[in-house]
Amino acid sequence: MVRNQYEGYKYIDPNNQYTYPDSTVLVNKQNITNIEEAYRNEHLFVTRRLADLRLEPIHVYSMSDILAIHNYLFQDIYAWAGQYRKVNISKSGNPFMPIQSFNTAETHMNNLIHSYHQTANSKDEIIMHLSEILDNLNYFHPFREGNGRTQREVIRSLALSKGYSAQIRVEQDDEVYNLYMGGTVHEDLGKLKELLIRILIKL
C-alpha cells in the first residue's frame, strides 16, 4: 500500500452541522474559512497540545478519559472538543458507528479498557489488547474530527501504563502509516498487531 491510496479519504456529513455554509471547513474559534489556512491553524494548535501530553499524559481508564484527551487536543479550535459527535458520518462510503448505538459502544470500550488493565501483562497480551482497542475505537469514531490523533494518543498512554512506548508516527514513517491506515480502514487486526509489534518498545 502507498499513501496516495488514502488521499481523498474524507468525512461525509450530509447535514453539514459542523461546517460553514456551502463549505467543508469546520466551524472554528478563529473563524477561519479558508481550508488550507484552517488546516494549518488546527495543525499548529494540536501539535503544541500533543507536546504537552508527551510530558504529562492523560491516563486512560474509560471513555471519559478519551473524551478528555480529545478536549485537551482540540480545545483551542472547536467548541465541541471532548464531546461525542451528533451526526452519523462515513469516510469514502464506509460508515462509522451510528450515534444511536453510542451508549452500547461506550460500555463496550470501557470493558475493553478495563480488561486491558486487568489482564494484559506480557508483550503479546498487550499487543493483542491494544490492537482490539484501536480497532473498536476507530469504528466507534466518537468525534466529528480528530479521531485519528486522539486514538493514537490513547494507544500511547495505554502502552505507557504497562511500561512501553508506542509512538504511531504516521507522518514520519510510511510503513507505520500504511499499517495504521490499512488496519483501521479495513478493520484488519492482523495489520494492527503488525503495527504494534513494530512500534512497541519496553521502557
N, C-alpha and C. Protein backbone atom coordinates (compact mmCIF):
# COMPACT_ATOMS: atom_id res chain seq x y z
N MET A 1 0.84 -1.20 0.00
CA MET A 1 0.00 0.00 0.00
C MET A 1 0.87 1.25 0.00
N VAL A 2 0.35 2.31 -0.58
CA VAL A 2 1.06 3.57 -0.60
C VAL A 2 0.15 4.66 -0.07
N ARG A 3 0.75 5.78 0.27
CA ARG A 3 -0.03 6.84 0.89
C ARG A 3 -1.18 7.34 0.01
N ASN A 4 -0.93 7.48 -1.29
CA ASN A 4 -1.98 8.07 -2.13
C ASN A 4 -3.22 7.20 -2.23
N GLN A 5 -3.14 5.97 -1.75
CA GLN A 5 -4.34 5.12 -1.72
C GLN A 5 -5.40 5.74 -0.82
N TYR A 6 -4.97 6.52 0.17
CA TYR A 6 -5.90 7.08 1.14
C TYR A 6 -6.15 8.57 0.94
N GLU A 7 -5.60 9.15 -0.12
CA GLU A 7 -5.89 10.55 -0.42
C GLU A 7 -7.37 10.68 -0.77
N GLY A 8 -7.98 11.75 -0.33
CA GLY A 8 -9.40 11.93 -0.56
C GLY A 8 -10.27 11.16 0.41
N TYR A 9 -9.64 10.59 1.45
CA TYR A 9 -10.38 9.82 2.45
C TYR A 9 -10.97 10.83 3.44
N LYS A 10 -12.15 11.36 3.11
CA LYS A 10 -12.74 12.47 3.85
C LYS A 10 -14.07 12.07 4.48
N TYR A 11 -14.47 12.87 5.48
CA TYR A 11 -15.78 12.66 6.09
C TYR A 11 -16.90 13.03 5.13
N ILE A 12 -17.99 12.28 5.22
CA ILE A 12 -19.21 12.64 4.51
C ILE A 12 -20.25 12.95 5.57
N ASP A 13 -20.59 14.22 5.70
CA ASP A 13 -21.57 14.69 6.69
C ASP A 13 -22.66 15.42 5.92
N PRO A 14 -23.69 14.70 5.47
CA PRO A 14 -24.67 15.28 4.55
C PRO A 14 -25.42 16.48 5.11
N ASN A 15 -25.51 16.59 6.43
CA ASN A 15 -26.26 17.70 7.01
C ASN A 15 -25.40 18.93 7.28
N ASN A 16 -24.10 18.79 7.17
CA ASN A 16 -23.17 19.91 7.38
C ASN A 16 -23.45 20.69 8.66
N GLN A 17 -23.69 19.96 9.73
CA GLN A 17 -23.99 20.62 11.00
C GLN A 17 -22.75 21.25 11.64
N TYR A 18 -21.58 20.80 11.24
CA TYR A 18 -20.35 21.27 11.87
C TYR A 18 -19.54 22.21 10.97
N THR A 19 -20.02 22.48 9.78
CA THR A 19 -19.22 23.24 8.82
C THR A 19 -19.88 24.57 8.48
N TYR A 20 -19.06 25.47 7.90
CA TYR A 20 -19.60 26.72 7.39
C TYR A 20 -20.51 26.44 6.19
N PRO A 21 -21.49 27.32 5.93
CA PRO A 21 -22.41 27.09 4.80
C PRO A 21 -21.67 26.89 3.48
N ASP A 22 -22.09 25.89 2.73
CA ASP A 22 -21.52 25.60 1.41
C ASP A 22 -20.01 25.42 1.47
N SER A 23 -19.54 24.77 2.52
CA SER A 23 -18.10 24.60 2.74
C SER A 23 -17.85 23.28 3.46
N THR A 24 -16.64 22.77 3.33
CA THR A 24 -16.23 21.60 4.11
C THR A 24 -15.39 22.00 5.33
N VAL A 25 -15.17 23.30 5.50
CA VAL A 25 -14.36 23.78 6.62
C VAL A 25 -15.18 23.74 7.90
N LEU A 26 -14.62 23.12 8.93
CA LEU A 26 -15.31 23.04 10.22
C LEU A 26 -15.34 24.40 10.90
N VAL A 27 -16.48 24.73 11.48
CA VAL A 27 -16.60 25.98 12.24
C VAL A 27 -15.58 25.95 13.37
N ASN A 28 -14.76 27.00 13.45
CA ASN A 28 -13.67 27.03 14.41
C ASN A 28 -13.65 28.34 15.18
N LYS A 29 -12.96 28.34 16.31
CA LYS A 29 -12.93 29.50 17.20
C LYS A 29 -12.21 30.69 16.57
N GLN A 30 -11.33 30.42 15.62
CA GLN A 30 -10.62 31.50 14.93
C GLN A 30 -11.42 32.05 13.75
N ASN A 31 -12.55 31.41 13.44
CA ASN A 31 -13.42 31.79 12.34
C ASN A 31 -12.68 31.83 11.00
N ILE A 32 -11.81 30.86 10.80
CA ILE A 32 -11.06 30.73 9.54
C ILE A 32 -11.90 29.89 8.58
N THR A 33 -12.14 30.42 7.39
CA THR A 33 -12.98 29.71 6.42
C THR A 33 -12.21 29.17 5.23
N ASN A 34 -10.96 29.57 5.08
CA ASN A 34 -10.12 29.01 4.01
C ASN A 34 -9.61 27.64 4.44
N ILE A 35 -9.77 26.63 3.59
CA ILE A 35 -9.49 25.26 4.01
C ILE A 35 -8.02 25.04 4.32
N GLU A 36 -7.11 25.60 3.51
CA GLU A 36 -5.68 25.41 3.78
C GLU A 36 -5.27 26.12 5.07
N GLU A 37 -5.81 27.32 5.25
CA GLU A 37 -5.49 28.08 6.47
C GLU A 37 -6.05 27.38 7.70
N ALA A 38 -7.26 26.85 7.58
CA ALA A 38 -7.88 26.14 8.70
C ALA A 38 -7.07 24.91 9.07
N TYR A 39 -6.57 24.20 8.07
CA TYR A 39 -5.74 23.02 8.33
C TYR A 39 -4.46 23.42 9.07
N ARG A 40 -3.81 24.47 8.60
CA ARG A 40 -2.56 24.91 9.27
C ARG A 40 -2.84 25.35 10.70
N ASN A 41 -3.94 26.06 10.90
CA ASN A 41 -4.32 26.52 12.23
C ASN A 41 -4.52 25.34 13.18
N GLU A 42 -5.28 24.34 12.72
CA GLU A 42 -5.53 23.16 13.54
C GLU A 42 -4.24 22.42 13.84
N HIS A 43 -3.42 22.23 12.82
CA HIS A 43 -2.16 21.50 12.99
C HIS A 43 -1.27 22.18 14.02
N LEU A 44 -1.20 23.50 13.98
CA LEU A 44 -0.35 24.25 14.90
C LEU A 44 -0.79 24.04 16.35
N PHE A 45 -2.07 24.23 16.61
CA PHE A 45 -2.57 24.10 17.98
C PHE A 45 -2.45 22.66 18.49
N VAL A 46 -2.82 21.70 17.67
CA VAL A 46 -2.81 20.30 18.11
C VAL A 46 -1.39 19.81 18.34
N THR A 47 -0.46 20.22 17.50
CA THR A 47 0.94 19.83 17.69
C THR A 47 1.46 20.32 19.04
N ARG A 48 1.10 21.53 19.41
CA ARG A 48 1.52 22.06 20.72
C ARG A 48 0.89 21.27 21.86
N ARG A 49 -0.38 20.94 21.72
CA ARG A 49 -1.05 20.19 22.78
C ARG A 49 -0.51 18.76 22.90
N LEU A 50 -0.18 18.16 21.77
CA LEU A 50 0.42 16.82 21.81
C LEU A 50 1.76 16.86 22.53
N ALA A 51 2.53 17.93 22.31
CA ALA A 51 3.81 18.07 23.00
C ALA A 51 3.60 18.14 24.51
N ASP A 52 2.55 18.83 24.95
CA ASP A 52 2.23 18.88 26.38
C ASP A 52 1.95 17.48 26.93
N LEU A 53 1.19 16.69 26.17
CA LEU A 53 0.83 15.35 26.65
C LEU A 53 2.03 14.41 26.68
N ARG A 54 3.05 14.70 25.89
CA ARG A 54 4.27 13.89 25.97
C ARG A 54 4.90 14.04 27.36
N LEU A 55 4.74 15.22 27.95
CA LEU A 55 5.32 15.49 29.27
C LEU A 55 4.39 15.04 30.40
N GLU A 56 3.11 15.18 30.18
CA GLU A 56 2.14 14.83 31.22
C GLU A 56 0.92 14.17 30.58
N PRO A 57 0.97 12.88 30.32
CA PRO A 57 -0.13 12.20 29.61
C PRO A 57 -1.39 12.11 30.46
N ILE A 58 -2.51 12.03 29.78
CA ILE A 58 -3.79 11.75 30.43
C ILE A 58 -3.94 10.23 30.49
N HIS A 59 -4.05 9.69 31.68
CA HIS A 59 -4.16 8.24 31.84
C HIS A 59 -5.56 7.77 31.43
N VAL A 60 -5.62 6.65 30.75
CA VAL A 60 -6.87 6.19 30.15
C VAL A 60 -7.40 4.97 30.91
N TYR A 61 -8.55 5.15 31.56
CA TYR A 61 -9.22 4.06 32.26
C TYR A 61 -10.65 3.85 31.76
N SER A 62 -11.15 4.80 30.98
CA SER A 62 -12.52 4.69 30.46
C SER A 62 -12.69 5.67 29.31
N MET A 63 -13.86 5.65 28.68
CA MET A 63 -14.15 6.57 27.60
C MET A 63 -14.10 8.02 28.06
N SER A 64 -14.40 8.28 29.32
CA SER A 64 -14.35 9.66 29.80
C SER A 64 -12.94 10.23 29.67
N ASP A 65 -11.93 9.39 29.82
CA ASP A 65 -10.55 9.85 29.65
C ASP A 65 -10.22 10.08 28.18
N ILE A 66 -10.82 9.30 27.30
CA ILE A 66 -10.63 9.51 25.86
C ILE A 66 -11.27 10.84 25.45
N LEU A 67 -12.43 11.14 26.02
CA LEU A 67 -13.05 12.44 25.78
C LEU A 67 -12.16 13.56 26.29
N ALA A 68 -11.51 13.34 27.43
CA ALA A 68 -10.62 14.35 27.99
C ALA A 68 -9.41 14.59 27.10
N ILE A 69 -8.88 13.53 26.49
CA ILE A 69 -7.76 13.69 25.56
C ILE A 69 -8.19 14.51 24.36
N HIS A 70 -9.33 14.18 23.78
CA HIS A 70 -9.82 14.95 22.62
C HIS A 70 -10.04 16.41 23.00
N ASN A 71 -10.62 16.64 24.16
CA ASN A 71 -10.83 18.01 24.62
C ASN A 71 -9.51 18.75 24.75
N TYR A 72 -8.52 18.10 25.33
CA TYR A 72 -7.23 18.76 25.51
C TYR A 72 -6.60 19.12 24.16
N LEU A 73 -6.65 18.20 23.21
CA LEU A 73 -6.01 18.42 21.92
C LEU A 73 -6.70 19.50 21.10
N PHE A 74 -8.02 19.58 21.17
CA PHE A 74 -8.77 20.43 20.24
C PHE A 74 -9.49 21.60 20.90
N GLN A 75 -9.23 21.85 22.19
CA GLN A 75 -9.94 22.89 22.93
C GLN A 75 -9.71 24.28 22.35
N ASP A 76 -8.57 24.51 21.72
CA ASP A 76 -8.26 25.84 21.18
C ASP A 76 -9.01 26.12 19.88
N ILE A 77 -9.59 25.09 19.27
CA ILE A 77 -10.10 25.22 17.90
C ILE A 77 -11.61 25.05 17.81
N TYR A 78 -12.13 24.01 18.47
CA TYR A 78 -13.54 23.66 18.29
C TYR A 78 -14.33 23.75 19.60
N ALA A 79 -15.51 24.35 19.53
CA ALA A 79 -16.36 24.46 20.71
C ALA A 79 -16.83 23.10 21.20
N TRP A 80 -16.85 22.11 20.32
CA TRP A 80 -17.33 20.77 20.66
C TRP A 80 -16.20 19.81 21.03
N ALA A 81 -15.02 20.32 21.29
CA ALA A 81 -13.90 19.46 21.70
C ALA A 81 -14.30 18.65 22.93
N GLY A 82 -13.98 17.35 22.90
CA GLY A 82 -14.28 16.48 24.03
C GLY A 82 -15.72 16.03 24.11
N GLN A 83 -16.50 16.28 23.05
CA GLN A 83 -17.91 15.88 23.03
C GLN A 83 -18.15 14.86 21.92
N TYR A 84 -19.06 13.93 22.18
CA TYR A 84 -19.44 12.98 21.14
C TYR A 84 -20.06 13.72 19.95
N ARG A 85 -19.79 13.23 18.76
CA ARG A 85 -20.43 13.80 17.57
C ARG A 85 -21.94 13.60 17.64
N LYS A 86 -22.66 14.48 16.97
CA LYS A 86 -24.12 14.43 16.96
C LYS A 86 -24.68 14.08 15.59
N VAL A 87 -23.80 13.66 14.69
CA VAL A 87 -24.23 13.27 13.34
C VAL A 87 -23.62 11.92 13.01
N ASN A 88 -24.27 11.19 12.14
CA ASN A 88 -23.69 9.96 11.60
C ASN A 88 -22.74 10.32 10.46
N ILE A 89 -21.58 9.70 10.44
CA ILE A 89 -20.56 10.04 9.45
C ILE A 89 -19.99 8.79 8.81
N SER A 90 -19.37 9.00 7.66
CA SER A 90 -18.67 7.91 6.98
C SER A 90 -17.47 8.51 6.26
N LYS A 91 -16.57 7.65 5.83
CA LYS A 91 -15.43 8.07 5.01
C LYS A 91 -15.38 7.17 3.79
N SER A 92 -15.37 7.80 2.62
CA SER A 92 -15.30 7.04 1.36
C SER A 92 -16.34 5.92 1.31
N GLY A 93 -17.52 6.22 1.82
CA GLY A 93 -18.60 5.24 1.79
C GLY A 93 -18.59 4.23 2.91
N ASN A 94 -17.60 4.31 3.80
CA ASN A 94 -17.51 3.39 4.94
C ASN A 94 -18.13 4.03 6.17
N PRO A 95 -19.30 3.57 6.61
CA PRO A 95 -19.95 4.20 7.76
C PRO A 95 -19.28 3.82 9.07
N PHE A 96 -19.29 4.78 10.00
CA PHE A 96 -18.81 4.51 11.35
C PHE A 96 -20.01 4.22 12.25
N MET A 97 -19.73 3.97 13.52
CA MET A 97 -20.78 3.64 14.48
C MET A 97 -21.90 4.70 14.44
N PRO A 98 -23.15 4.29 14.25
CA PRO A 98 -24.25 5.26 14.29
C PRO A 98 -24.42 5.82 15.70
N ILE A 99 -24.79 7.09 15.77
CA ILE A 99 -24.89 7.74 17.08
C ILE A 99 -25.94 7.06 17.95
N GLN A 100 -26.90 6.39 17.34
CA GLN A 100 -27.94 5.69 18.10
C GLN A 100 -27.37 4.54 18.93
N SER A 101 -26.16 4.11 18.59
CA SER A 101 -25.53 2.97 19.30
C SER A 101 -24.41 3.41 20.24
N PHE A 102 -24.30 4.71 20.48
CA PHE A 102 -23.16 5.21 21.27
C PHE A 102 -23.15 4.69 22.70
N ASN A 103 -24.30 4.53 23.33
CA ASN A 103 -24.31 4.02 24.71
C ASN A 103 -23.72 2.62 24.78
N THR A 104 -24.11 1.78 23.82
CA THR A 104 -23.57 0.42 23.76
C THR A 104 -22.08 0.45 23.46
N ALA A 105 -21.68 1.31 22.53
CA ALA A 105 -20.27 1.41 22.16
C ALA A 105 -19.42 1.88 23.34
N GLU A 106 -19.94 2.84 24.10
CA GLU A 106 -19.20 3.34 25.26
C GLU A 106 -18.99 2.24 26.29
N THR A 107 -20.02 1.48 26.57
CA THR A 107 -19.91 0.37 27.52
C THR A 107 -18.89 -0.66 27.03
N HIS A 108 -18.94 -0.97 25.75
CA HIS A 108 -18.00 -1.95 25.18
C HIS A 108 -16.57 -1.45 25.29
N MET A 109 -16.34 -0.18 24.97
CA MET A 109 -14.98 0.37 25.07
C MET A 109 -14.50 0.36 26.52
N ASN A 110 -15.37 0.71 27.45
CA ASN A 110 -14.98 0.69 28.86
C ASN A 110 -14.58 -0.72 29.29
N ASN A 111 -15.30 -1.72 28.81
CA ASN A 111 -14.97 -3.11 29.14
C ASN A 111 -13.63 -3.52 28.55
N LEU A 112 -13.36 -3.10 27.31
CA LEU A 112 -12.07 -3.42 26.67
C LEU A 112 -10.91 -2.80 27.44
N ILE A 113 -11.08 -1.55 27.84
CA ILE A 113 -10.01 -0.85 28.56
C ILE A 113 -9.80 -1.47 29.94
N HIS A 114 -10.90 -1.80 30.61
CA HIS A 114 -10.79 -2.46 31.93
C HIS A 114 -10.08 -3.80 31.80
N SER A 115 -10.44 -4.57 30.79
CA SER A 115 -9.80 -5.87 30.57
C SER A 115 -8.31 -5.71 30.30
N TYR A 116 -7.95 -4.68 29.54
CA TYR A 116 -6.54 -4.41 29.26
C TYR A 116 -5.76 -4.18 30.55
N HIS A 117 -6.28 -3.33 31.40
CA HIS A 117 -5.57 -3.03 32.65
C HIS A 117 -5.50 -4.24 33.58
N GLN A 118 -6.51 -5.10 33.53
CA GLN A 118 -6.57 -6.23 34.45
C GLN A 118 -5.79 -7.45 33.95
N THR A 119 -5.75 -7.67 32.64
CA THR A 119 -5.25 -8.96 32.15
C THR A 119 -4.09 -8.89 31.17
N ALA A 120 -3.78 -7.71 30.62
CA ALA A 120 -2.67 -7.62 29.66
C ALA A 120 -1.36 -7.42 30.41
N ASN A 121 -0.55 -8.46 30.46
CA ASN A 121 0.71 -8.39 31.20
C ASN A 121 1.93 -8.64 30.31
N SER A 122 1.91 -9.69 29.54
CA SER A 122 3.03 -9.97 28.64
C SER A 122 2.95 -9.04 27.42
N LYS A 123 4.06 -8.94 26.69
CA LYS A 123 4.08 -8.09 25.50
C LYS A 123 3.05 -8.57 24.48
N ASP A 124 2.94 -9.88 24.30
CA ASP A 124 1.96 -10.42 23.35
C ASP A 124 0.53 -10.06 23.76
N GLU A 125 0.25 -10.13 25.06
CA GLU A 125 -1.09 -9.78 25.55
C GLU A 125 -1.38 -8.30 25.35
N ILE A 126 -0.37 -7.47 25.61
CA ILE A 126 -0.52 -6.02 25.41
C ILE A 126 -0.82 -5.72 23.95
N ILE A 127 -0.08 -6.34 23.05
CA ILE A 127 -0.31 -6.14 21.61
C ILE A 127 -1.71 -6.57 21.21
N MET A 128 -2.15 -7.72 21.70
CA MET A 128 -3.48 -8.22 21.37
C MET A 128 -4.56 -7.26 21.85
N HIS A 129 -4.45 -6.83 23.10
CA HIS A 129 -5.47 -5.94 23.66
C HIS A 129 -5.46 -4.57 22.98
N LEU A 130 -4.28 -4.01 22.77
CA LEU A 130 -4.20 -2.68 22.16
C LEU A 130 -4.73 -2.68 20.73
N SER A 131 -4.46 -3.75 19.99
CA SER A 131 -4.97 -3.82 18.62
C SER A 131 -6.49 -3.88 18.62
N GLU A 132 -7.06 -4.59 19.58
CA GLU A 132 -8.52 -4.68 19.67
C GLU A 132 -9.12 -3.34 20.09
N ILE A 133 -8.48 -2.66 21.03
CA ILE A 133 -8.95 -1.34 21.45
C ILE A 133 -8.90 -0.36 20.29
N LEU A 134 -7.79 -0.36 19.56
CA LEU A 134 -7.64 0.56 18.42
C LEU A 134 -8.68 0.28 17.35
N ASP A 135 -8.90 -0.99 17.05
CA ASP A 135 -9.88 -1.36 16.03
C ASP A 135 -11.28 -0.91 16.42
N ASN A 136 -11.67 -1.16 17.66
CA ASN A 136 -13.01 -0.79 18.11
C ASN A 136 -13.18 0.71 18.24
N LEU A 137 -12.15 1.40 18.73
CA LEU A 137 -12.23 2.85 18.87
C LEU A 137 -12.33 3.52 17.50
N ASN A 138 -11.64 2.97 16.52
CA ASN A 138 -11.72 3.56 15.18
C ASN A 138 -13.11 3.38 14.59
N TYR A 139 -13.73 2.21 14.77
CA TYR A 139 -15.09 2.04 14.26
C TYR A 139 -16.08 2.92 15.02
N PHE A 140 -15.88 3.05 16.32
CA PHE A 140 -16.71 3.95 17.13
C PHE A 140 -16.63 5.36 16.55
N HIS A 141 -15.43 5.86 16.28
CA HIS A 141 -15.21 7.19 15.71
C HIS A 141 -16.09 8.22 16.44
N PRO A 142 -15.84 8.42 17.73
CA PRO A 142 -16.78 9.19 18.54
C PRO A 142 -16.85 10.68 18.23
N PHE A 143 -15.87 11.22 17.49
CA PHE A 143 -15.81 12.66 17.29
C PHE A 143 -16.03 13.04 15.83
N ARG A 144 -16.45 14.27 15.62
CA ARG A 144 -16.65 14.75 14.25
C ARG A 144 -15.32 14.92 13.53
N GLU A 145 -14.29 15.26 14.26
CA GLU A 145 -12.95 15.42 13.69
C GLU A 145 -11.94 15.11 14.79
N GLY A 146 -10.76 14.64 14.40
CA GLY A 146 -9.70 14.40 15.36
C GLY A 146 -9.66 13.01 15.94
N ASN A 147 -10.37 12.07 15.32
CA ASN A 147 -10.39 10.70 15.85
C ASN A 147 -9.02 10.03 15.78
N GLY A 148 -8.34 10.17 14.65
CA GLY A 148 -7.04 9.51 14.49
C GLY A 148 -6.01 10.00 15.48
N ARG A 149 -5.89 11.30 15.62
CA ARG A 149 -4.91 11.85 16.55
C ARG A 149 -5.25 11.48 17.99
N THR A 150 -6.53 11.47 18.31
CA THR A 150 -6.94 11.07 19.65
C THR A 150 -6.63 9.60 19.90
N GLN A 151 -6.98 8.73 18.97
CA GLN A 151 -6.77 7.29 19.20
C GLN A 151 -5.29 6.94 19.27
N ARG A 152 -4.46 7.66 18.52
CA ARG A 152 -3.01 7.38 18.61
C ARG A 152 -2.46 7.80 19.97
N GLU A 153 -2.98 8.89 20.53
CA GLU A 153 -2.57 9.30 21.87
C GLU A 153 -3.11 8.33 22.92
N VAL A 154 -4.30 7.81 22.72
CA VAL A 154 -4.87 6.82 23.63
C VAL A 154 -3.98 5.59 23.69
N ILE A 155 -3.57 5.08 22.54
CA ILE A 155 -2.70 3.91 22.49
C ILE A 155 -1.36 4.20 23.16
N ARG A 156 -0.83 5.39 22.92
CA ARG A 156 0.45 5.76 23.55
C ARG A 156 0.31 5.76 25.07
N SER A 157 -0.78 6.34 25.58
CA SER A 157 -1.00 6.42 27.02
C SER A 157 -1.21 5.04 27.63
N LEU A 158 -2.00 4.20 26.97
CA LEU A 158 -2.23 2.85 27.48
C LEU A 158 -0.94 2.04 27.51
N ALA A 159 -0.12 2.17 26.49
CA ALA A 159 1.16 1.45 26.47
C ALA A 159 2.06 1.93 27.60
N LEU A 160 2.07 3.24 27.85
CA LEU A 160 2.88 3.78 28.94
C LEU A 160 2.49 3.17 30.28
N SER A 161 1.21 2.92 30.47
CA SER A 161 0.74 2.37 31.75
C SER A 161 1.29 0.97 32.00
N LYS A 162 1.77 0.31 30.95
CA LYS A 162 2.38 -1.02 31.07
C LYS A 162 3.90 -0.97 30.92
N GLY A 163 4.45 0.25 30.88
CA GLY A 163 5.90 0.38 30.79
C GLY A 163 6.46 0.27 29.38
N TYR A 164 5.64 0.62 28.38
CA TYR A 164 6.07 0.56 26.98
C TYR A 164 5.87 1.91 26.29
N SER A 165 6.69 2.13 25.29
CA SER A 165 6.49 3.25 24.37
C SER A 165 5.76 2.72 23.13
N ALA A 166 4.77 3.49 22.65
CA ALA A 166 4.05 3.11 21.42
C ALA A 166 3.74 4.39 20.64
N GLN A 167 4.68 4.81 19.83
CA GLN A 167 4.52 6.04 19.04
C GLN A 167 4.07 5.67 17.63
N ILE A 168 2.83 5.99 17.29
CA ILE A 168 2.32 5.72 15.94
C ILE A 168 2.62 6.95 15.09
N ARG A 169 3.81 6.99 14.52
CA ARG A 169 4.29 8.17 13.80
C ARG A 169 3.88 8.09 12.33
N VAL A 170 2.64 8.43 12.05
CA VAL A 170 2.12 8.29 10.69
C VAL A 170 2.71 9.32 9.73
N GLU A 171 3.18 10.44 10.26
CA GLU A 171 3.70 11.49 9.38
C GLU A 171 5.16 11.26 9.01
N GLN A 172 5.89 10.51 9.81
CA GLN A 172 7.32 10.33 9.57
C GLN A 172 7.68 8.98 8.96
N ASP A 173 6.82 8.00 9.05
CA ASP A 173 7.19 6.63 8.68
C ASP A 173 6.11 6.04 7.76
N ASP A 174 6.47 5.82 6.49
CA ASP A 174 5.49 5.31 5.52
C ASP A 174 4.96 3.93 5.90
N GLU A 175 5.83 3.07 6.41
CA GLU A 175 5.37 1.72 6.76
C GLU A 175 4.38 1.77 7.92
N VAL A 176 4.69 2.59 8.92
CA VAL A 176 3.77 2.77 10.04
C VAL A 176 2.44 3.34 9.53
N TYR A 177 2.51 4.33 8.66
CA TYR A 177 1.30 4.93 8.09
C TYR A 177 0.45 3.88 7.40
N ASN A 178 1.07 3.07 6.56
CA ASN A 178 0.32 2.09 5.78
C ASN A 178 -0.26 0.98 6.64
N LEU A 179 0.48 0.55 7.66
CA LEU A 179 -0.06 -0.45 8.58
C LEU A 179 -1.22 0.12 9.38
N TYR A 180 -1.07 1.35 9.84
CA TYR A 180 -2.12 2.01 10.62
C TYR A 180 -3.37 2.22 9.78
N MET A 181 -3.21 2.80 8.60
CA MET A 181 -4.36 3.06 7.75
C MET A 181 -5.00 1.76 7.25
N GLY A 182 -4.16 0.82 6.82
CA GLY A 182 -4.70 -0.46 6.36
C GLY A 182 -5.44 -1.20 7.45
N GLY A 183 -4.91 -1.12 8.68
CA GLY A 183 -5.55 -1.80 9.80
C GLY A 183 -6.84 -1.16 10.23
N THR A 184 -6.86 0.18 10.28
CA THR A 184 -8.06 0.86 10.75
C THR A 184 -9.13 0.95 9.66
N VAL A 185 -8.73 1.30 8.45
CA VAL A 185 -9.71 1.46 7.37
C VAL A 185 -10.40 0.14 7.05
N HIS A 186 -9.62 -0.93 7.01
CA HIS A 186 -10.16 -2.24 6.61
C HIS A 186 -10.46 -3.16 7.80
N GLU A 187 -10.39 -2.59 9.02
CA GLU A 187 -10.67 -3.37 10.24
C GLU A 187 -9.86 -4.67 10.23
N ASP A 188 -8.58 -4.52 9.98
CA ASP A 188 -7.66 -5.65 9.84
C ASP A 188 -6.81 -5.78 11.10
N LEU A 189 -7.23 -6.66 12.01
CA LEU A 189 -6.50 -6.83 13.27
C LEU A 189 -5.08 -7.33 13.03
N GLY A 190 -4.87 -8.10 11.98
CA GLY A 190 -3.53 -8.59 11.68
C GLY A 190 -2.57 -7.45 11.41
N LYS A 191 -3.03 -6.45 10.64
CA LYS A 191 -2.18 -5.30 10.36
C LYS A 191 -1.95 -4.44 11.61
N LEU A 192 -2.98 -4.32 12.43
CA LEU A 192 -2.83 -3.54 13.67
C LEU A 192 -1.85 -4.23 14.62
N LYS A 193 -1.90 -5.55 14.69
CA LYS A 193 -0.93 -6.28 15.51
C LYS A 193 0.48 -6.11 14.95
N GLU A 194 0.60 -6.17 13.63
CA GLU A 194 1.90 -5.97 12.99
C GLU A 194 2.43 -4.57 13.29
N LEU A 195 1.53 -3.59 13.26
CA LEU A 195 1.91 -2.22 13.61
C LEU A 195 2.45 -2.14 15.03
N LEU A 196 1.74 -2.74 15.97
CA LEU A 196 2.14 -2.66 17.37
C LEU A 196 3.41 -3.45 17.64
N ILE A 197 3.60 -4.56 16.95
CA ILE A 197 4.86 -5.30 17.07
C ILE A 197 6.02 -4.41 16.65
N ARG A 198 5.79 -3.62 15.62
CA ARG A 198 6.84 -2.74 15.09
C ARG A 198 7.19 -1.60 16.04
N ILE A 199 6.18 -1.03 16.71
CA ILE A 199 6.42 0.21 17.45
C ILE A 199 6.54 0.03 18.96
N LEU A 200 6.07 -1.09 19.51
CA LEU A 200 6.04 -1.26 20.97
C LEU A 200 7.45 -1.52 21.49
N ILE A 201 7.91 -0.63 22.36
CA ILE A 201 9.28 -0.71 22.88
C ILE A 201 9.23 -0.64 24.41
N LYS A 202 9.90 -1.57 25.06
CA LYS A 202 9.96 -1.58 26.53
C LYS A 202 10.78 -0.40 27.03
N LEU A 203 10.24 0.32 28.01
CA LEU A 203 10.95 1.48 28.57
C LEU A 203 11.85 1.06 29.73
